Amino acid sequence: MSDKEIMEVAGIKVQPGTIQRGSIPVLELADGTPISLPLILINGAKPGPRLYIGSAIHGDEVTGIGVLIEALKRIDPKTLSGQIIAVPVQQPLSLYADHRLPLAQLLKSPLDQSPSDAWLVFPGDKNGNVAQRFAANIFELIKTCKYAIDIHTPTRGGRYVPIAILPASKEKNFSDVLEFAKAMSPGYIMCNDTGIYVENGILCVECTRAGIPCFTFELGEGGRLEDELAQIGATCVLNGMHWMSMIDVKPTPAKKTYIMKQFIGLRAEHGGLLYTEAELGTEVSKGQLLARIVNVFGDEVQRVVAPLDGVFVRSTTLSNVASGDRVATIGV
C-alpha cells in the first residue's frame, strides 16, 4: 500500500483515513431475497499491511461479532497504518437461523447441501452449493490481505478460554502464524497436528497455505453475547495489529501464556446431570476432579478426572448429558 492510496474492494472505494460500509451479493433465496456478506472497510491514512477480520461463520457465534465490533471501535483510520477488510457475519443464513448451520437450506435438501458448513469447504466454489459460495467469496477477500483473523466461539453448550488454535506445524507459514498468535496474546495457544482444526478445507488452514497467516481464535460460549469477553477479544485483535505496526497502542499481554500440543476431550460414560468442579482456564493435575455426573435419582454415576497434567480449556455448559457427550477438554 502506498501513501494516500484509495482502497477498492468489491467496487467500493475508500479514501485514505476513512471507513466505508458495503456488501457483496452471494446468492438469492427462493422468493428473490438477495443474501450478501456485510463489509466494513477501513483505509488507514498511512501505508501498512492489509488485515482481514471475520466472525460468525457459524450463526450462534455472536460474541465473535462483538469482538470484531469492539476492535473496530478502537481504531482511528486517521492514525491507522494499513487497511482492514472486516466481515462481521461470514454466514448470514446461519445467523438468521441462530444456529451453527443454515438450517433451512440443510433441511430442504440435506444431500445437495452437504457439506453444509462454510468453515469446512475453503477455498470454496462460486458455482457450488450455499456453503461453498460463501467460502469462495470470503476467500477472495482474504487473498488480498497479508494476515487474517477468524473469530469463533464453541457451539451451544461449550465454553472456551480465549485460545488461538493454529494450523498444523507442517504448514510452510506455521512459524509466522505462531508469532502472530503470540503477539495477540490470548493466553492460550494450541499447536495441535491432529483433529478437525487442522483438516483440509478449514478456513485458517487454507489461508495459511495460500500465504496469509491465519488461525482460529475462539472464546466464550455459543448462543450468548458477552460484552466482557468481546472486550477481551478486541484487546487481543489490537495486540496483533500493534505487532503488525498498524496501530501505535501499547499492547496488553496475557498474565501467562500456555502453548499446548494436544486437546484431550473427556466424554460422559453415563447420562445424568452435569456438575463441573474445576475452574475454566486453570492448570489441572493428573487425577484431579473436573466434573461429576449425577443420575436423576441423585446417585453419582461418574467422576470425570484429568487423565494427565494439563490446562482446563473448554467446559461443557449443558445442564445434562448423555453417554458420549463431551464434558470437558484439557490442553496438554
C-alpha atoms as a PDB file:
ATOM      1  CA  MET A   1       0.000   0.000   0.000  1.00  0.00           C
ATOM      2  CA  SER A   2       1.381   3.388  -0.995  1.00  0.00           C
ATOM      3  CA  ASP A   3       0.734   6.655   0.831  1.00  0.00           C
ATOM      4  CA  LYS A   4      -2.654   8.226   0.044  1.00  0.00           C
ATOM      5  CA  GLU A   5      -3.794   5.113  -1.853  1.00  0.00           C
ATOM      6  CA  ILE A   6      -7.513   4.694  -2.483  1.00  0.00           C
ATOM      7  CA  MET A   7      -8.726   1.308  -1.254  1.00  0.00           C
ATOM      8  CA  GLU A   8     -11.128  -0.525  -3.566  1.00  0.00           C
ATOM      9  CA  VAL A   9     -12.909  -3.732  -2.549  1.00  0.00           C
ATOM     10  CA  ALA A  10     -15.895  -5.213  -4.404  1.00  0.00           C
ATOM     11  CA  GLY A  11     -16.334  -1.959  -6.288  1.00  0.00           C
ATOM     12  CA  ILE A  12     -16.379   0.098  -3.075  1.00  0.00           C
ATOM     13  CA  LYS A  13     -13.807   2.902  -2.967  1.00  0.00           C
ATOM     14  CA  VAL A  14     -12.459   4.074   0.366  1.00  0.00           C
ATOM     15  CA  GLN A  15     -10.421   7.240   0.680  1.00  0.00           C
ATOM     16  CA  PRO A  16      -7.337   7.262   2.963  1.00  0.00           C
ATOM     17  CA  GLY A  17      -8.229   7.930   6.594  1.00  0.00           C
ATOM     18  CA  THR A  18     -11.874   6.871   6.220  1.00  0.00           C
ATOM     19  CA  ILE A  19     -14.313   3.995   6.797  1.00  0.00           C
ATOM     20  CA  GLN A  20     -16.939   2.668   4.391  1.00  0.00           C
ATOM     21  CA  ARG A  21     -19.638   0.044   4.763  1.00  0.00           C
ATOM     22  CA  GLY A  22     -20.937  -2.134   1.972  1.00  0.00           C
ATOM     23  CA  SER A  23     -21.793  -5.675   0.966  1.00  0.00           C
ATOM     24  CA  ILE A  24     -21.034  -8.432  -1.532  1.00  0.00           C
ATOM     25  CA  PRO A  25     -24.005 -10.262  -3.117  1.00  0.00           C
ATOM     26  CA  VAL A  26     -23.577 -14.041  -2.764  1.00  0.00           C
ATOM     27  CA  LEU A  27     -26.868 -15.733  -3.600  1.00  0.00           C
ATOM     28  CA  GLU A  28     -30.643 -15.368  -3.901  1.00  0.00           C
ATOM     29  CA  LEU A  29     -33.338 -17.172  -1.927  1.00  0.00           C
ATOM     30  CA  ALA A  30     -36.429 -18.789  -3.419  1.00  0.00           C
ATOM     31  CA  ASP A  31     -38.516 -15.608  -3.046  1.00  0.00           C
ATOM     32  CA  GLY A  32     -35.830 -13.477  -4.676  1.00  0.00           C
ATOM     33  CA  THR A  33     -34.387 -12.119  -1.443  1.00  0.00           C
ATOM     34  CA  PRO A  34     -30.683 -11.321  -2.001  1.00  0.00           C
ATOM     35  CA  ILE A  35     -28.189 -12.579   0.588  1.00  0.00           C
ATOM     36  CA  SER A  36     -24.962 -10.623   0.936  1.00  0.00           C
ATOM     37  CA  LEU A  37     -21.810 -10.534   3.021  1.00  0.00           C
ATOM     38  CA  PRO A  38     -21.665  -7.296   5.064  1.00  0.00           C
ATOM     39  CA  LEU A  39     -18.383  -5.395   4.758  1.00  0.00           C
ATOM     40  CA  ILE A  40     -16.608  -2.831   6.910  1.00  0.00           C
ATOM     41  CA  LEU A  41     -13.655  -1.332   5.046  1.00  0.00           C
ATOM     42  CA  ILE A  42     -11.066   0.866   6.739  1.00  0.00           C
ATOM     43  CA  ASN A  43      -8.372   2.624   4.764  1.00  0.00           C
ATOM     44  CA  GLY A  44      -5.679   3.994   7.021  1.00  0.00           C
ATOM     45  CA  ALA A  45      -4.115   7.377   6.395  1.00  0.00           C
ATOM     46  CA  LYS A  46      -0.652   5.776   6.368  1.00  0.00           C
ATOM     47  CA  PRO A  47       0.821   2.828   4.434  1.00  0.00           C
ATOM     48  CA  GLY A  48       0.903  -0.605   6.012  1.00  0.00           C
ATOM     49  CA  PRO A  49      -0.397  -4.178   5.677  1.00  0.00           C
ATOM     50  CA  ARG A  50      -3.951  -5.212   4.892  1.00  0.00           C
ATOM     51  CA  LEU A  51      -5.703  -7.305   7.567  1.00  0.00           C
ATOM     52  CA  TYR A  52      -8.814  -9.471   7.200  1.00  0.00           C
ATOM     53  CA  ILE A  53     -11.053  -9.955  10.256  1.00  0.00           C
ATOM     54  CA  GLY A  54     -14.056 -12.268  10.046  1.00  0.00           C
ATOM     55  CA  SER A  55     -16.611 -13.569  12.531  1.00  0.00           C
ATOM     56  CA  ALA A  56     -19.876 -15.544  12.707  1.00  0.00           C
ATOM     57  CA  ILE A  57     -19.222 -18.093  10.004  1.00  0.00           C
ATOM     58  CA  HIS A  58     -21.381 -20.106  12.429  1.00  0.00           C
ATOM     59  CA  GLY A  59     -24.627 -18.360  13.310  1.00  0.00           C
ATOM     60  CA  ASP A  60     -24.597 -18.983  17.060  1.00  0.00           C
ATOM     61  CA  GLU A  61     -21.147 -17.387  17.494  1.00  0.00           C
ATOM     62  CA  VAL A  62     -22.432 -13.918  18.293  1.00  0.00           C
ATOM     63  CA  THR A  63     -19.710 -12.961  20.779  1.00  0.00           C
ATOM     64  CA  GLY A  64     -17.330 -13.111  17.819  1.00  0.00           C
ATOM     65  CA  ILE A  65     -19.331 -10.335  16.172  1.00  0.00           C
ATOM     66  CA  GLY A  66     -18.975  -8.374  19.408  1.00  0.00           C
ATOM     67  CA  VAL A  67     -15.203  -8.864  19.338  1.00  0.00           C
ATOM     68  CA  LEU A  68     -14.988  -7.522  15.793  1.00  0.00           C
ATOM     69  CA  ILE A  69     -17.251  -4.533  16.526  1.00  0.00           C
ATOM     70  CA  GLU A  70     -15.376  -3.580  19.698  1.00  0.00           C
ATOM     71  CA  ALA A  71     -11.984  -3.872  17.999  1.00  0.00           C
ATOM     72  CA  LEU A  72     -13.038  -1.603  15.134  1.00  0.00           C
ATOM     73  CA  LYS A  73     -14.480   0.945  17.576  1.00  0.00           C
ATOM     74  CA  ARG A  74     -10.985   1.440  18.986  1.00  0.00           C
ATOM     75  CA  ILE A  75      -9.362   2.103  15.606  1.00  0.00           C
ATOM     76  CA  ASP A  76      -8.924   5.622  14.223  1.00  0.00           C
ATOM     77  CA  PRO A  77      -8.482   5.478  10.430  1.00  0.00           C
ATOM     78  CA  LYS A  78      -6.642   8.799  10.548  1.00  0.00           C
ATOM     79  CA  THR A  79      -3.812   7.175  12.534  1.00  0.00           C
ATOM     80  CA  LEU A  80      -4.075   3.658  11.116  1.00  0.00           C
ATOM     81  CA  SER A  81      -1.191   2.280   9.064  1.00  0.00           C
ATOM     82  CA  GLY A  82      -2.647  -0.089   6.504  1.00  0.00           C
ATOM     83  CA  GLN A  83      -6.115  -1.344   5.654  1.00  0.00           C
ATOM     84  CA  ILE A  84      -8.776  -3.599   7.167  1.00  0.00           C
ATOM     85  CA  ILE A  85     -11.392  -5.759   5.500  1.00  0.00           C
ATOM     86  CA  ALA A  86     -13.901  -6.854   8.149  1.00  0.00           C
ATOM     87  CA  VAL A  87     -16.820  -9.227   7.609  1.00  0.00           C
ATOM     88  CA  PRO A  88     -18.856  -9.306  10.847  1.00  0.00           C
ATOM     89  CA  VAL A  89     -21.180 -12.068   9.581  1.00  0.00           C
ATOM     90  CA  GLN A  90     -19.486 -14.604   7.325  1.00  0.00           C
ATOM     91  CA  GLN A  91     -22.618 -16.787   7.024  1.00  0.00           C
ATOM     92  CA  PRO A  92     -25.797 -14.627   7.227  1.00  0.00           C
ATOM     93  CA  LEU A  93     -28.164 -17.591   6.710  1.00  0.00           C
ATOM     94  CA  SER A  94     -26.759 -19.268   9.827  1.00  0.00           C
ATOM     95  CA  LEU A  95     -27.181 -16.057  11.821  1.00  0.00           C
ATOM     96  CA  TYR A  96     -30.821 -15.825  10.700  1.00  0.00           C
ATOM     97  CA  ALA A  97     -31.311 -19.378  11.950  1.00  0.00           C
ATOM     98  CA  ASP A  98     -29.480 -18.582  15.209  1.00  0.00           C
ATOM     99  CA  HIS A  99     -27.682 -21.870  14.672  1.00  0.00           C
ATOM    100  CA  ARG A 100     -24.251 -23.126  13.682  1.00  0.00           C
ATOM    101  CA  LEU A 101     -25.611 -24.080  10.237  1.00  0.00           C
ATOM    102  CA  PRO A 102     -28.133 -22.575   7.754  1.00  0.00           C
ATOM    103  CA  LEU A 103     -30.905 -24.948   8.772  1.00  0.00           C
ATOM    104  CA  ALA A 104     -33.489 -24.007   6.138  1.00  0.00           C
ATOM    105  CA  GLN A 105     -31.179 -24.969   3.278  1.00  0.00           C
ATOM    106  CA  LEU A 106     -29.933 -28.091   5.058  1.00  0.00           C
ATOM    107  CA  LEU A 107     -33.439 -29.358   5.848  1.00  0.00           C
ATOM    108  CA  LYS A 108     -34.747 -28.602   2.376  1.00  0.00           C
ATOM    109  CA  SER A 109     -32.093 -30.650   0.615  1.00  0.00           C
ATOM    110  CA  PRO A 110     -29.724 -32.448   3.018  1.00  0.00           C
ATOM    111  CA  LEU A 111     -27.637 -34.255   0.425  1.00  0.00           C
ATOM    112  CA  ASP A 112     -27.324 -31.363  -2.005  1.00  0.00           C
ATOM    113  CA  GLN A 113     -26.295 -29.019   0.814  1.00  0.00           C
ATOM    114  CA  SER A 114     -23.606 -31.344   2.121  1.00  0.00           C
ATOM    115  CA  PRO A 115     -21.108 -30.164   3.155  1.00  0.00           C
ATOM    116  CA  SER A 116     -23.243 -27.526   4.831  1.00  0.00           C
ATOM    117  CA  ASP A 117     -20.614 -25.753   6.962  1.00  0.00           C
ATOM    118  CA  ALA A 118     -18.836 -22.948   5.075  1.00  0.00           C
ATOM    119  CA  TRP A 119     -15.932 -23.098   7.546  1.00  0.00           C
ATOM    120  CA  LEU A 120     -15.023 -26.569   6.273  1.00  0.00           C
ATOM    121  CA  VAL A 121     -15.020 -26.004   2.491  1.00  0.00           C
ATOM    122  CA  PHE A 122     -12.335 -23.426   1.735  1.00  0.00           C
ATOM    123  CA  PRO A 123     -11.260 -22.217  -0.764  1.00  0.00           C
ATOM    124  CA  GLY A 124     -14.867 -22.725  -1.831  1.00  0.00           C
ATOM    125  CA  ASP A 125     -16.580 -22.647  -5.216  1.00  0.00           C
ATOM    126  CA  LYS A 126     -18.607 -19.724  -6.574  1.00  0.00           C
ATOM    127  CA  ASN A 127     -20.649 -22.222  -8.622  1.00  0.00           C
ATOM    128  CA  GLY A 128     -21.114 -24.697  -5.772  1.00  0.00           C
ATOM    129  CA  ASN A 129     -23.701 -25.099  -3.033  1.00  0.00           C
ATOM    130  CA  VAL A 130     -24.559 -22.471  -0.406  1.00  0.00           C
ATOM    131  CA  ALA A 131     -21.603 -23.211   1.885  1.00  0.00           C
ATOM    132  CA  GLN A 132     -19.123 -23.310  -0.983  1.00  0.00           C
ATOM    133  CA  ARG A 133     -20.346 -19.981  -2.401  1.00  0.00           C
ATOM    134  CA  PHE A 134     -19.890 -18.167   0.888  1.00  0.00           C
ATOM    135  CA  ALA A 135     -16.437 -19.690   1.358  1.00  0.00           C
ATOM    136  CA  ALA A 136     -15.369 -18.673  -2.171  1.00  0.00           C
ATOM    137  CA  ASN A 137     -16.418 -15.048  -1.682  1.00  0.00           C
ATOM    138  CA  ILE A 138     -14.698 -14.845   1.701  1.00  0.00           C
ATOM    139  CA  PHE A 139     -11.523 -16.452   0.368  1.00  0.00           C
ATOM    140  CA  GLU A 140     -11.393 -13.942  -2.485  1.00  0.00           C
ATOM    141  CA  LEU A 141     -11.301 -11.135   0.087  1.00  0.00           C
ATOM    142  CA  ILE A 142      -8.703 -12.845   2.251  1.00  0.00           C
ATOM    143  CA  LYS A 143      -6.337 -13.410  -0.670  1.00  0.00           C
ATOM    144  CA  THR A 144      -5.869  -9.643  -0.967  1.00  0.00           C
ATOM    145  CA  CYS A 145      -4.604  -9.442   2.639  1.00  0.00           C
ATOM    146  CA  LYS A 146      -1.320 -10.068   4.420  1.00  0.00           C
ATOM    147  CA  TYR A 147      -2.859 -11.544   7.604  1.00  0.00           C
ATOM    148  CA  ALA A 148      -6.270 -12.873   8.641  1.00  0.00           C
ATOM    149  CA  ILE A 149      -8.111 -13.494  11.920  1.00  0.00           C
ATOM    150  CA  ASP A 150     -11.068 -15.906  12.048  1.00  0.00           C
ATOM    151  CA  ILE A 151     -13.100 -15.326  15.243  1.00  0.00           C
ATOM    152  CA  HIS A 152     -15.253 -18.086  16.781  1.00  0.00           C
ATOM    153  CA  THR A 153     -16.952 -19.360  19.907  1.00  0.00           C
ATOM    154  CA  PRO A 154     -17.794 -23.012  20.525  1.00  0.00           C
ATOM    155  CA  THR A 155     -21.253 -24.101  19.523  1.00  0.00           C
ATOM    156  CA  ARG A 156     -24.001 -24.035  22.168  1.00  0.00           C
ATOM    157  CA  GLY A 157     -23.207 -25.979  25.295  1.00  0.00           C
ATOM    158  CA  GLY A 158     -19.463 -25.331  25.219  1.00  0.00           C
ATOM    159  CA  ARG A 159     -17.227 -22.616  26.634  1.00  0.00           C
ATOM    160  CA  TYR A 160     -13.621 -21.880  25.645  1.00  0.00           C
ATOM    161  CA  VAL A 161     -10.933 -19.814  27.272  1.00  0.00           C
ATOM    162  CA  PRO A 162      -9.570 -17.184  24.830  1.00  0.00           C
ATOM    163  CA  ILE A 163      -7.499 -19.501  22.654  1.00  0.00           C
ATOM    164  CA  ALA A 164      -5.633 -19.351  19.352  1.00  0.00           C
ATOM    165  CA  ILE A 165      -5.864 -22.708  17.570  1.00  0.00           C
ATOM    166  CA  LEU A 166      -3.208 -22.923  14.871  1.00  0.00           C
ATOM    167  CA  PRO A 167      -2.920 -24.881  11.615  1.00  0.00           C
ATOM    168  CA  ALA A 168      -0.622 -27.924  11.680  1.00  0.00           C
ATOM    169  CA  SER A 169       3.080 -27.325  12.200  1.00  0.00           C
ATOM    170  CA  LYS A 170       3.829 -28.866   8.781  1.00  0.00           C
ATOM    171  CA  GLU A 171       2.323 -25.817   7.024  1.00  0.00           C
ATOM    172  CA  LYS A 172       5.079 -23.714   5.440  1.00  0.00           C
ATOM    173  CA  ASN A 173       3.944 -20.474   7.116  1.00  0.00           C
ATOM    174  CA  PHE A 174       3.462 -22.060  10.551  1.00  0.00           C
ATOM    175  CA  SER A 175       6.243 -20.043  12.216  1.00  0.00           C
ATOM    176  CA  ASP A 176       4.589 -16.791  11.081  1.00  0.00           C
ATOM    177  CA  VAL A 177       1.231 -17.979  12.413  1.00  0.00           C
ATOM    178  CA  LEU A 178       2.768 -18.875  15.777  1.00  0.00           C
ATOM    179  CA  GLU A 179       4.422 -15.459  16.121  1.00  0.00           C
ATOM    180  CA  PHE A 180       1.124 -13.817  15.150  1.00  0.00           C
ATOM    181  CA  ALA A 181      -0.748 -15.818  17.810  1.00  0.00           C
ATOM    182  CA  LYS A 182       1.847 -14.998  20.472  1.00  0.00           C
ATOM    183  CA  ALA A 183       1.544 -11.317  19.599  1.00  0.00           C
ATOM    184  CA  MET A 184      -2.245 -11.369  20.018  1.00  0.00           C
ATOM    185  CA  SER A 185      -1.609 -12.779  23.496  1.00  0.00           C
ATOM    186  CA  PRO A 186      -4.853 -14.635  24.215  1.00  0.00           C
ATOM    187  CA  GLY A 187      -3.132 -16.580  26.992  1.00  0.00           C
ATOM    188  CA  TYR A 188      -3.769 -19.994  25.451  1.00  0.00           C
ATOM    189  CA  ILE A 189      -2.259 -21.242  22.164  1.00  0.00           C
ATOM    190  CA  MET A 190      -2.880 -24.695  20.711  1.00  0.00           C
ATOM    191  CA  CYS A 191      -0.358 -26.183  18.262  1.00  0.00           C
ATOM    192  CA  ASN A 192      -2.111 -29.466  17.541  1.00  0.00           C
ATOM    193  CA  ASP A 193      -1.268 -31.524  14.453  1.00  0.00           C
ATOM    194  CA  THR A 194      -4.394 -33.703  14.549  1.00  0.00           C
ATOM    195  CA  GLY A 195      -8.149 -33.143  14.729  1.00  0.00           C
ATOM    196  CA  ILE A 196     -10.721 -31.009  12.958  1.00  0.00           C
ATOM    197  CA  TYR A 197      -8.939 -27.666  13.428  1.00  0.00           C
ATOM    198  CA  VAL A 198      -6.070 -28.673  11.121  1.00  0.00           C
ATOM    199  CA  GLU A 199      -8.005 -30.549   8.432  1.00  0.00           C
ATOM    200  CA  ASN A 200      -8.068 -29.654   4.748  1.00  0.00           C
ATOM    201  CA  GLY A 201     -10.768 -27.104   3.932  1.00  0.00           C
ATOM    202  CA  ILE A 202     -10.673 -25.310   7.298  1.00  0.00           C
ATOM    203  CA  LEU A 203     -10.557 -21.538   6.783  1.00  0.00           C
ATOM    204  CA  CYS A 204      -7.282 -20.855   8.610  1.00  0.00           C
ATOM    205  CA  VAL A 205      -5.564 -23.922   7.123  1.00  0.00           C
ATOM    206  CA  GLU A 206      -6.315 -22.931   3.528  1.00  0.00           C
ATOM    207  CA  CYS A 207      -5.468 -19.268   4.171  1.00  0.00           C
ATOM    208  CA  THR A 208      -2.099 -20.178   5.666  1.00  0.00           C
ATOM    209  CA  ARG A 209      -1.363 -22.451   2.707  1.00  0.00           C
ATOM    210  CA  ALA A 210      -2.176 -19.548   0.395  1.00  0.00           C
ATOM    211  CA  GLY A 211       0.472 -17.434   2.150  1.00  0.00           C
ATOM    212  CA  ILE A 212      -1.824 -15.500   4.513  1.00  0.00           C
ATOM    213  CA  PRO A 213      -1.006 -16.427   8.139  1.00  0.00           C
ATOM    214  CA  CYS A 214      -4.277 -17.161   9.938  1.00  0.00           C
ATOM    215  CA  PHE A 215      -5.591 -19.106  12.923  1.00  0.00           C
ATOM    216  CA  THR A 216      -8.894 -19.911  14.603  1.00  0.00           C
ATOM    217  CA  PHE A 217      -9.474 -17.560  17.550  1.00  0.00           C
ATOM    218  CA  GLU A 218     -12.038 -18.997  19.986  1.00  0.00           C
ATOM    219  CA  LEU A 219     -13.501 -17.592  23.170  1.00  0.00           C
ATOM    220  CA  GLY A 220     -16.683 -17.691  25.191  1.00  0.00           C
ATOM    221  CA  GLU A 221     -19.810 -19.700  24.535  1.00  0.00           C
ATOM    222  CA  GLY A 222     -22.119 -20.256  21.583  1.00  0.00           C
ATOM    223  CA  GLY A 223     -25.531 -18.592  21.613  1.00  0.00           C
ATOM    224  CA  ARG A 224     -24.523 -15.891  24.114  1.00  0.00           C
ATOM    225  CA  LEU A 225     -23.412 -12.310  23.602  1.00  0.00           C
ATOM    226  CA  GLU A 226     -20.934 -11.484  26.366  1.00  0.00           C
ATOM    227  CA  ASP A 227     -19.586  -7.962  26.351  1.00  0.00           C
ATOM    228  CA  GLU A 228     -16.778  -8.664  28.830  1.00  0.00           C
ATOM    229  CA  LEU A 229     -15.380 -11.335  26.527  1.00  0.00           C
ATOM    230  CA  ALA A 230     -15.922  -9.118  23.486  1.00  0.00           C
ATOM    231  CA  GLN A 231     -13.682  -6.523  25.152  1.00  0.00           C
ATOM    232  CA  ILE A 232     -11.027  -9.162  25.904  1.00  0.00           C
ATOM    233  CA  GLY A 233     -11.138 -10.435  22.341  1.00  0.00           C
ATOM    234  CA  ALA A 234     -10.927  -6.904  20.943  1.00  0.00           C
ATOM    235  CA  THR A 235      -7.807  -6.283  23.015  1.00  0.00           C
ATOM    236  CA  CYS A 236      -6.234  -9.412  21.508  1.00  0.00           C
ATOM    237  CA  VAL A 237      -7.032  -8.180  17.988  1.00  0.00           C
ATOM    238  CA  LEU A 238      -5.429  -4.808  18.765  1.00  0.00           C
ATOM    239  CA  ASN A 239      -2.375  -6.580  20.214  1.00  0.00           C
ATOM    240  CA  GLY A 240      -1.978  -8.313  16.867  1.00  0.00           C
ATOM    241  CA  MET A 241      -2.372  -5.070  14.968  1.00  0.00           C
ATOM    242  CA  HIS A 242       0.311  -3.467  17.116  1.00  0.00           C
ATOM    243  CA  TRP A 243       2.648  -6.345  16.208  1.00  0.00           C
ATOM    244  CA  MET A 244       1.916  -5.635  12.519  1.00  0.00           C
ATOM    245  CA  SER A 245       2.798  -1.948  13.127  1.00  0.00           C
ATOM    246  CA  MET A 246      -0.718  -0.915  12.118  1.00  0.00           C
ATOM    247  CA  ILE A 247      -1.513   0.964  15.325  1.00  0.00           C
ATOM    248  CA  ASP A 248       0.572   2.738  17.933  1.00  0.00           C
ATOM    249  CA  VAL A 249      -1.226   1.460  21.022  1.00  0.00           C
ATOM    250  CA  LYS A 250       0.564  -0.202  23.912  1.00  0.00           C
ATOM    251  CA  PRO A 251      -0.253  -3.941  23.818  1.00  0.00           C
ATOM    252  CA  THR A 252      -1.903  -5.688  26.758  1.00  0.00           C
ATOM    253  CA  PRO A 253      -0.190  -9.052  27.277  1.00  0.00           C
ATOM    254  CA  ALA A 254      -1.850 -12.001  28.995  1.00  0.00           C
ATOM    255  CA  LYS A 255      -0.749 -12.658  32.569  1.00  0.00           C
ATOM    256  CA  LYS A 256       0.510 -16.079  31.493  1.00  0.00           C
ATOM    257  CA  THR A 257       0.697 -17.893  28.164  1.00  0.00           C
ATOM    258  CA  TYR A 258       0.199 -21.639  27.758  1.00  0.00           C
ATOM    259  CA  ILE A 259       1.466 -23.148  24.499  1.00  0.00           C
ATOM    260  CA  MET A 260      -0.122 -26.579  24.155  1.00  0.00           C
ATOM    261  CA  LYS A 261       0.347 -29.521  21.791  1.00  0.00           C
ATOM    262  CA  GLN A 262      -2.812 -31.595  22.174  1.00  0.00           C
ATOM    263  CA  PHE A 263      -6.512 -31.469  23.059  1.00  0.00           C
ATOM    264  CA  ILE A 264      -7.789 -34.248  25.320  1.00  0.00           C
ATOM    265  CA  GLY A 265     -11.594 -34.458  25.168  1.00  0.00           C
ATOM    266  CA  LEU A 266     -13.341 -36.280  28.013  1.00  0.00           C
ATOM    267  CA  ARG A 267     -16.794 -37.765  27.476  1.00  0.00           C
ATOM    268  CA  ALA A 268     -19.651 -38.996  29.606  1.00  0.00           C
ATOM    269  CA  GLU A 269     -19.934 -42.724  30.216  1.00  0.00           C
ATOM    270  CA  HIS A 270     -23.364 -42.349  31.812  1.00  0.00           C
ATOM    271  CA  GLY A 271     -26.303 -39.993  31.362  1.00  0.00           C
ATOM    272  CA  GLY A 272     -27.380 -37.525  34.012  1.00  0.00           C
ATOM    273  CA  LEU A 273     -26.932 -34.017  35.389  1.00  0.00           C
ATOM    274  CA  LEU A 274     -23.527 -32.429  34.875  1.00  0.00           C
ATOM    275  CA  TYR A 275     -21.691 -30.671  37.698  1.00  0.00           C
ATOM    276  CA  THR A 276     -18.418 -29.018  36.635  1.00  0.00           C
ATOM    277  CA  GLU A 277     -15.976 -28.822  39.547  1.00  0.00           C
ATOM    278  CA  ALA A 278     -12.777 -27.326  38.073  1.00  0.00           C
ATOM    279  CA  GLU A 279     -12.341 -23.674  37.150  1.00  0.00           C
ATOM    280  CA  LEU A 280     -12.048 -22.999  33.436  1.00  0.00           C
ATOM    281  CA  GLY A 281      -8.590 -21.784  32.415  1.00  0.00           C
ATOM    282  CA  THR A 282      -6.708 -23.250  35.360  1.00  0.00           C
ATOM    283  CA  GLU A 283      -3.911 -25.800  35.448  1.00  0.00           C
ATOM    284  CA  VAL A 284      -5.072 -29.276  36.430  1.00  0.00           C
ATOM    285  CA  SER A 285      -3.076 -32.263  37.581  1.00  0.00           C
ATOM    286  CA  LYS A 286      -3.455 -35.934  36.742  1.00  0.00           C
ATOM    287  CA  GLY A 287      -6.311 -37.433  38.745  1.00  0.00           C
ATOM    288  CA  GLN A 288      -7.903 -34.071  39.596  1.00  0.00           C
ATOM    289  CA  LEU A 289     -11.705 -33.993  39.596  1.00  0.00           C
ATOM    290  CA  LEU A 290     -13.059 -31.966  36.666  1.00  0.00           C
ATOM    291  CA  ALA A 291     -16.752 -32.840  36.720  1.00  0.00           C
ATOM    292  CA  ARG A 292     -19.357 -35.158  38.235  1.00  0.00           C
ATOM    293  CA  ILE A 293     -22.396 -36.791  36.621  1.00  0.00           C
ATOM    294  CA  VAL A 294     -25.394 -37.493  38.848  1.00  0.00           C
ATOM    295  CA  ASN A 295     -28.345 -39.539  37.615  1.00  0.00           C
ATOM    296  CA  VAL A 296     -31.974 -38.486  38.000  1.00  0.00           C
ATOM    297  CA  PHE A 297     -32.238 -40.474  41.227  1.00  0.00           C
ATOM    298  CA  GLY A 298     -29.458 -38.398  42.791  1.00  0.00           C
ATOM    299  CA  ASP A 299     -26.749 -41.052  42.578  1.00  0.00           C
ATOM    300  CA  GLU A 300     -23.258 -40.043  41.455  1.00  0.00           C
ATOM    301  CA  VAL A 301     -22.597 -42.279  38.434  1.00  0.00           C
ATOM    302  CA  GLN A 302     -19.313 -40.837  37.134  1.00  0.00           C
ATOM    303  CA  ARG A 303     -16.392 -38.768  38.352  1.00  0.00           C
ATOM    304  CA  VAL A 304     -14.560 -37.206  35.414  1.00  0.00           C
ATOM    305  CA  VAL A 305     -10.882 -36.751  36.267  1.00  0.00           C
ATOM    306  CA  ALA A 306      -7.901 -35.377  34.361  1.00  0.00           C
ATOM    307  CA  PRO A 307      -6.017 -38.278  32.736  1.00  0.00           C
ATOM    308  CA  LEU A 308      -2.771 -36.279  32.866  1.00  0.00           C
ATOM    309  CA  ASP A 309      -1.455 -32.829  33.773  1.00  0.00           C
ATOM    310  CA  GLY A 310      -2.765 -30.007  31.594  1.00  0.00           C
ATOM    311  CA  VAL A 311      -4.910 -26.886  31.355  1.00  0.00           C
ATOM    312  CA  PHE A 312      -8.727 -26.865  31.532  1.00  0.00           C
ATOM    313  CA  VAL A 313      -9.503 -25.014  28.272  1.00  0.00           C
ATOM    314  CA  ARG A 314     -13.094 -25.972  27.380  1.00  0.00           C
ATOM    315  CA  SER A 315     -16.012 -26.722  29.644  1.00  0.00           C
ATOM    316  CA  THR A 316     -19.452 -28.079  28.840  1.00  0.00           C
ATOM    317  CA  THR A 317     -22.224 -25.747  29.990  1.00  0.00           C
ATOM    318  CA  LEU A 318     -25.125 -28.096  29.307  1.00  0.00           C
ATOM    319  CA  SER A 319     -27.141 -28.954  32.406  1.00  0.00           C
ATOM    320  CA  ASN A 320     -27.445 -32.601  31.433  1.00  0.00           C
ATOM    321  CA  VAL A 321     -25.510 -35.053  29.288  1.00  0.00           C
ATOM    322  CA  ALA A 322     -25.978 -38.449  27.639  1.00  0.00           C
ATOM    323  CA  SER A 323     -23.385 -41.155  27.241  1.00  0.00           C
ATOM    324  CA  GLY A 324     -20.841 -39.961  24.660  1.00  0.00           C
ATOM    325  CA  ASP A 325     -21.365 -36.240  25.226  1.00  0.00           C
ATOM    326  CA  ARG A 326     -18.212 -34.220  25.799  1.00  0.00           C
ATOM    327  CA  VAL A 327     -17.967 -32.913  29.356  1.00  0.00           C
ATOM    328  CA  ALA A 328     -14.519 -31.287  29.445  1.00  0.00           C
ATOM    329  CA  THR A 329     -11.430 -30.636  27.342  1.00  0.00           C
ATOM    330  CA  ILE A 330      -7.913 -30.144  28.611  1.00  0.00           C
ATOM    331  CA  GLY A 331      -4.894 -28.887  26.692  1.00  0.00           C
ATOM    332  CA  VAL A 332      -1.560 -30.615  27.194  1.00  0.00           C
END
